[in-house]
Each structure stands twice: as C-alpha cells, then as structure tokens.
C-alpha cells in the first residue's frame, strides 16, 4: 500500500489529525500549513512539514516522516534532511521531528550513532499499533485503519463511516473524511474495483432506497436546471454526497455545494 501518499493526503486535508497523534489539541493545527518540502541541491525530500502560517512565524516547525518498511539508514536520512533544512532556513523559530511507524519492530536495529537525538524531547516516535484505545479520536481511528488487518479492515471502515456521519454535522467535511476512508480501503485492496469497494463499504446502499430514487427521478423528469436543483435538498437529506448528486443529475457541482452549505 502506498502509505506515503495516504498520509500526505490525510495530513494535507486534516492537519488536526497530526497534532492529535502527538498529543496536542486539534486546534493547534490552525496556525499551520502542511507541505512536502524538497531541499535544494540535494536528493532529499521530507515527507511532510507543518510550517507556521505567515501571521504565526514564531512557532515550531514540525517535520513528519512516515516509515512502513525496515530501513537501517532511516535516521541517517531523517536527521540529515532536518539539518540541511535548518541550514537553508536559518530563521525558523524551533523544530520538532515526528517519525511514524506501524510497529516498533520496523525501527533500525543500530541507533547508537543517533541516540542522543532520539532521546531529545524534540524527537517523537509514534507506533500506531501501540496507541491506547481510550485516547482515540475519529482522526486517530482513521490513521489506525491504515494498519488494520485486511480481514477486519472492511468492517472497521464501515464503523468509521457511521461514526463520521454521527460526529461531523457539516456534509462537505463529512464526505471528505468518508472519501479518505474509502481511499485507504482502495489501497488495501488494489485487486478490487471501485464498485466492489463501494459495495464492501455499503456506500451505495442509500442509492437503492425509495427516497433517493424518487428524488432522482423527480430531478430528471423536470429536465430543467431549476427542477434538478429542487431535488437536491431531498438527496442531501438522504445522505447522498454532493459529488454523486452532481454526477447523477448532470448539474454543476458548485451549485450543489451552495445548496449544501445553506442547509448546514
């Protein structure tokens, strides 16, 4: 599974999850923007960097490395990237490194050369399989889905989709999280088609309901843009995503989003 791209998408869309993962409040993310950074004149690219926004310059820069394979030279690379970055950006306020592993056994065996840095309060290693269940939020639950065994992942994903719909009242935000959950499952089961994934997660179950079919038919029968838009609130109430509504009714997605925002 392409874990780097999954985590990049997750932290880019929901930076609060990163800060929850390392023990901060989700609100801590408000002063940051997440980026992948390439260091000039080297072959280094840092997985992810949380940079303070322009109006919050005196904040710590967070460096994130996601490692799902054994690599004995990992710490050589991570700390080289860190200090190259500091050399090229000497005005940063402070730094903090987070290394995310699925399990402790994937750490390099020989850490003697970097032990003083690993013991620093500015370096944190996170092992996803050791996160206490009692401390989990929706964001942490989604991260743990990445390392969920294949035999239990579909059921866990369905639970998270239900939890998302219950905890996130804003439809656009809720759908973005559900899309991310679906993406994780797509990566875990690359042999399945998108339709098979939707069936597995029961994402298309609502499309078979009477309320969906009636609203969809009403919009199509009207034919005009106004008639189709009139069917949008009912479809939203049925839990259909903005993207699906726009596609099924063949109308502009921004118009559907506008109606969705008015209902929240």
Protein backbone atom coordinates (compact mmCIF):
# COMPACT_ATOMS: atom_id res chain seq x y z
CA UNK A 1 0.00 0.00 0.00
CA UNK A 2 1.29 3.49 -0.84
CA UNK A 3 1.32 4.74 2.73
CA UNK A 4 3.28 7.92 2.00
CA UNK A 5 0.56 9.24 -0.31
CA UNK A 6 -2.18 8.20 2.11
CA UNK A 7 -0.59 10.10 4.99
CA UNK A 8 0.20 13.08 2.80
CA UNK A 9 -3.46 13.31 1.74
CA UNK A 10 -4.64 12.78 5.31
CA UNK A 11 -2.43 15.47 6.85
CA UNK A 12 -2.96 17.89 3.96
CA UNK A 13 -6.76 17.71 4.24
CA UNK A 14 -6.97 17.27 8.02
CA UNK A 15 -3.81 18.66 9.69
CA UNK A 16 -5.53 18.43 13.07
CA UNK A 17 -5.07 14.63 12.95
CA UNK A 18 -1.27 15.01 13.04
CA UNK A 19 -1.38 17.13 16.17
CA UNK A 20 -3.84 14.77 17.85
CA UNK A 21 -1.43 11.93 17.06
CA UNK A 22 1.39 13.60 19.02
CA UNK A 23 -0.77 14.63 21.96
CA UNK A 24 -1.87 18.17 21.09
CA UNK A 25 -5.32 19.65 20.73
CA UNK A 26 -6.78 19.60 17.23
CA UNK A 27 -6.97 23.41 17.44
CA UNK A 28 -3.16 23.52 17.34
CA UNK A 29 -3.35 22.96 13.57
CA UNK A 30 -4.97 26.33 12.93
CA UNK A 31 -1.62 28.12 12.77
CA UNK A 32 -0.02 25.69 10.30
CA UNK A 33 0.04 24.70 6.65
CA UNK A 34 1.19 21.22 5.58
CA UNK A 35 3.64 20.79 2.70
CA UNK A 36 6.11 18.34 1.21
CA UNK A 37 9.49 20.06 1.04
CA UNK A 38 12.37 19.38 -1.34
CA UNK A 39 15.77 20.51 -0.10
CA UNK A 40 17.72 22.39 -2.77
CA UNK A 41 20.93 20.91 -4.18
CA UNK A 42 20.35 17.53 -2.52
CA UNK A 43 18.37 14.39 -3.30
CA UNK A 44 16.33 14.82 -0.11
CA UNK A 45 12.59 15.26 0.10
CA UNK A 46 10.96 15.48 3.51
CA UNK A 47 7.67 13.52 3.70
CA UNK A 48 5.79 16.37 5.30
CA UNK A 49 6.47 19.66 7.04
CA UNK A 50 4.00 21.68 9.10
CA UNK A 51 5.05 25.26 8.54
CA UNK A 52 3.73 28.17 10.61
CA UNK A 53 1.46 30.47 8.67
CA UNK A 54 2.69 33.93 7.74
CA UNK A 55 0.98 35.55 10.72
CA UNK A 56 2.41 32.96 13.16
CA UNK A 57 6.17 32.97 12.42
CA UNK A 58 7.33 32.30 15.99
CA UNK A 59 6.08 28.74 16.12
CA UNK A 60 7.80 25.37 15.93
CA UNK A 61 8.26 23.74 12.51
CA UNK A 62 7.13 20.08 12.63
CA UNK A 63 8.88 17.52 10.40
CA UNK A 64 6.98 14.29 9.73
CA UNK A 65 8.46 11.03 8.41
CA UNK A 66 6.24 8.01 7.72
CA UNK A 67 8.14 4.70 7.67
CA UNK A 68 6.39 1.42 6.88
CA UNK A 69 9.45 -0.60 5.83
CA UNK A 70 12.65 -1.59 7.59
CA UNK A 71 15.44 0.84 6.71
CA UNK A 72 18.72 0.72 8.64
CA UNK A 73 19.74 4.12 7.24
CA UNK A 74 16.48 5.86 8.10
CA UNK A 75 17.87 8.02 10.92
CA UNK A 76 20.89 8.99 8.82
CA UNK A 77 18.47 10.40 6.24
CA UNK A 78 15.95 11.96 8.63
CA UNK A 79 18.48 13.97 10.61
CA UNK A 80 20.47 14.89 7.51
CA UNK A 81 17.25 16.26 5.99
CA UNK A 82 16.49 18.12 9.21
CA UNK A 83 19.81 19.91 9.46
CA UNK A 84 20.01 20.61 5.73
CA UNK A 85 16.62 22.27 6.05
CA UNK A 86 17.76 24.31 9.05
CA UNK A 87 20.90 25.31 7.15
CA UNK A 88 18.78 26.58 4.26
CA UNK A 89 16.17 28.19 6.55
CA UNK A 90 18.16 29.66 9.44
CA UNK A 91 15.32 31.93 10.55
CA UNK A 92 12.99 29.15 11.76
CA UNK A 93 11.91 29.52 15.37
CA UNK A 94 12.31 25.89 16.51
CA UNK A 95 12.00 22.31 15.21
CA UNK A 96 10.30 19.06 16.18
CA UNK A 97 10.61 15.69 14.41
CA UNK A 98 7.87 13.02 14.37
CA UNK A 99 8.56 9.56 12.93
CA UNK A 100 5.51 7.35 12.40
CA UNK A 101 5.88 3.55 12.36
CA UNK A 102 3.14 0.93 12.10
CA UNK A 103 5.01 -1.07 14.76
CA UNK A 104 8.17 -0.80 16.85
CA UNK A 105 9.97 -3.70 15.14
CA UNK A 106 10.46 -1.61 11.97
CA UNK A 107 12.87 0.73 13.70
CA UNK A 108 16.54 0.47 12.66
CA UNK A 109 18.41 -2.03 14.82
CA UNK A 110 21.51 0.10 15.41
CA UNK A 111 20.60 3.53 16.79
CA UNK A 112 23.81 4.29 18.69
CA UNK A 113 25.00 7.00 16.28
CA UNK A 114 21.74 8.96 16.62
CA UNK A 115 20.74 8.03 20.16
CA UNK A 116 21.34 11.49 21.60
CA UNK A 117 18.92 12.92 19.04
CA UNK A 118 16.38 10.14 19.51
CA UNK A 119 16.41 10.83 23.25
CA UNK A 120 15.81 14.53 22.66
CA UNK A 121 12.45 15.99 23.75
CA UNK A 122 12.28 17.41 20.21
CA UNK A 123 12.04 13.96 18.60
CA UNK A 124 8.98 11.71 18.93
CA UNK A 125 8.48 8.21 17.56
CA UNK A 126 4.87 7.04 17.15
CA UNK A 127 3.94 3.35 16.89
CA UNK A 128 0.41 3.08 15.53
CA UNK A 129 -0.26 -0.38 16.97
CA UNK A 130 0.55 0.87 20.49
CA UNK A 131 -1.88 3.79 20.62
CA UNK A 132 -4.19 3.35 23.60
CA UNK A 133 -7.83 2.75 22.56
CA UNK A 134 -9.09 5.07 25.28
CA UNK A 135 -7.27 8.05 23.76
CA UNK A 136 -8.55 7.64 20.22
CA UNK A 137 -10.45 10.32 18.33
CA UNK A 138 -12.01 9.95 14.89
CA UNK A 139 -8.78 11.21 13.34
CA UNK A 140 -6.64 8.67 15.20
CA UNK A 141 -9.12 5.92 14.29
CA UNK A 142 -8.65 6.77 10.62
CA UNK A 143 -4.86 6.62 10.92
CA UNK A 144 -5.09 3.23 12.60
CA UNK A 145 -7.23 1.99 9.70
CA UNK A 146 -4.06 2.14 7.58
CA UNK A 147 -2.55 -0.68 9.67
CA UNK A 148 -5.80 -2.58 10.28
CA UNK A 149 -5.52 -6.25 9.16
CA UNK A 150 -7.24 -6.97 5.85
CA UNK A 151 -9.70 -9.39 7.42
CA UNK A 152 -11.09 -6.74 9.78
CA UNK A 153 -10.47 -3.57 7.73
CA UNK A 154 -13.83 -3.52 5.83
CA UNK A 155 -15.88 -3.82 9.00
CA UNK A 156 -13.74 -1.23 10.75
CA UNK A 157 -14.09 1.13 7.78
CA UNK A 158 -17.89 0.79 7.87
CA UNK A 159 -17.83 1.63 11.58
CA UNK A 160 -15.74 4.73 10.90
CA UNK A 161 -18.09 5.87 8.12
CA UNK A 162 -21.01 5.61 10.54
CA UNK A 163 -19.00 7.43 13.23
CA UNK A 164 -18.10 10.17 10.75
CA UNK A 165 -21.73 10.78 9.82
CA UNK A 166 -22.66 10.94 13.51
CA UNK A 167 -19.83 13.21 14.67
CA UNK A 168 -19.35 15.57 11.69
CA UNK A 169 -22.53 17.58 11.05
CA UNK A 170 -21.10 19.52 8.11
CA UNK A 171 -21.89 17.45 4.99
CA UNK A 172 -18.90 18.60 2.95
CA UNK A 173 -16.43 17.85 5.74
CA UNK A 174 -18.11 14.53 6.48
CA UNK A 175 -17.95 13.46 2.83
CA UNK A 176 -14.27 14.43 2.60
CA UNK A 177 -13.47 12.13 5.53
CA UNK A 178 -15.57 9.30 4.08
CA UNK A 179 -13.73 9.71 0.76
CA UNK A 180 -10.44 9.36 2.64
CA UNK A 181 -11.62 6.19 4.40
CA UNK A 182 -12.64 4.78 1.02
CA UNK A 183 -9.22 5.69 -0.41
CA UNK A 184 -7.45 3.79 2.37
CA UNK A 185 -9.52 0.70 1.60
CA UNK A 186 -8.81 1.08 -2.13
CA UNK A 187 -5.08 0.99 -1.37
CA UNK A 188 -5.51 -2.01 0.93
CA UNK A 189 -7.45 -3.97 -1.70
CA UNK A 190 -5.92 -2.96 -5.06
CA UNK A 191 -7.40 -6.02 -6.76
CA UNK A 192 -10.97 -4.78 -6.22
CA UNK A 193 -12.80 -2.35 -8.49
CA UNK A 194 -14.23 0.93 -7.21
CA UNK A 195 -17.73 -0.55 -7.45
CA UNK A 196 -16.68 -3.55 -5.35
CA UNK A 197 -15.17 -1.21 -2.76
CA UNK A 198 -18.42 0.80 -2.60
CA UNK A 199 -20.38 -2.43 -2.18
CA UNK A 200 -18.00 -3.60 0.56
CA UNK A 201 -18.38 -0.35 2.49
CA UNK A 202 -22.11 -0.08 1.72
CA UNK A 203 -21.51 3.41 0.34
CA UNK A 204 -24.11 2.92 -2.38
CA UNK A 205 -26.79 1.46 -0.12
CA UNK A 206 -28.67 4.76 0.07
CA UNK A 207 -28.83 4.90 -3.71
CA UNK A 208 -31.16 1.92 -3.63
CA UNK A 209 -33.62 3.49 -1.20
CA UNK A 210 -37.03 4.81 -2.23
CA UNK A 211 -36.30 8.39 -1.15
CA UNK A 212 -33.19 8.51 -3.33
CA UNK A 213 -34.88 7.02 -6.38
CA UNK A 214 -37.92 9.30 -6.10
CA UNK A 215 -35.81 12.44 -5.72
CA UNK A 216 -33.54 11.39 -8.55
CA UNK A 217 -36.46 10.68 -10.88
CA UNK A 218 -38.12 13.97 -9.94
CA UNK A 219 -35.00 15.88 -10.85
CA UNK A 220 -34.55 14.03 -14.13
CA UNK A 221 -38.20 14.34 -15.16
CA UNK A 222 -38.16 18.10 -14.62
CA UNK A 223 -35.30 18.26 -17.09
CA UNK A 224 -34.66 21.92 -16.42
CA UNK A 225 -31.83 23.10 -14.16
CA UNK A 226 -34.35 24.55 -11.70
CA UNK A 227 -36.16 21.25 -11.43
CA UNK A 228 -32.98 19.34 -10.82
CA UNK A 229 -31.83 21.80 -8.17
CA UNK A 230 -35.19 21.44 -6.44
CA UNK A 231 -34.41 17.75 -5.89
CA UNK A 232 -31.02 18.44 -4.30
CA UNK A 233 -32.19 19.13 -0.70
CA UNK A 234 -34.04 15.81 -0.56
CA UNK A 235 -31.00 13.95 -1.85
CA UNK A 236 -28.77 15.68 0.68
CA UNK A 237 -31.18 14.74 3.43
CA UNK A 238 -30.92 11.13 2.29
CA UNK A 239 -27.18 11.31 2.87
CA UNK A 240 -26.04 11.35 -0.75
CA UNK A 241 -22.75 13.12 -1.38
CA UNK A 242 -22.50 16.40 -3.26
CA UNK A 243 -20.33 14.73 -5.88
CA UNK A 244 -22.84 11.91 -6.51
CA UNK A 245 -25.76 14.32 -6.77
CA UNK A 246 -23.97 16.50 -9.32
CA UNK A 247 -22.98 13.46 -11.37
CA UNK A 248 -26.36 11.71 -11.28
CA UNK A 249 -28.40 14.82 -12.08
CA UNK A 250 -25.79 16.18 -14.51
CA UNK A 251 -25.62 19.61 -12.89
CA UNK A 252 -22.83 21.93 -11.79
CA UNK A 253 -21.18 20.70 -8.59
CA UNK A 254 -20.74 24.26 -7.26
CA UNK A 255 -24.49 24.77 -7.40
CA UNK A 256 -24.99 21.62 -5.34
CA UNK A 257 -22.31 22.73 -2.84
CA UNK A 258 -24.06 26.08 -2.45
CA UNK A 259 -27.32 24.35 -1.52
CA UNK A 260 -25.47 22.01 0.87
CA UNK A 261 -23.85 24.97 2.63
CA UNK A 262 -27.21 26.68 3.02
CA UNK A 263 -28.56 23.58 4.78
CA UNK A 264 -25.72 23.32 7.32
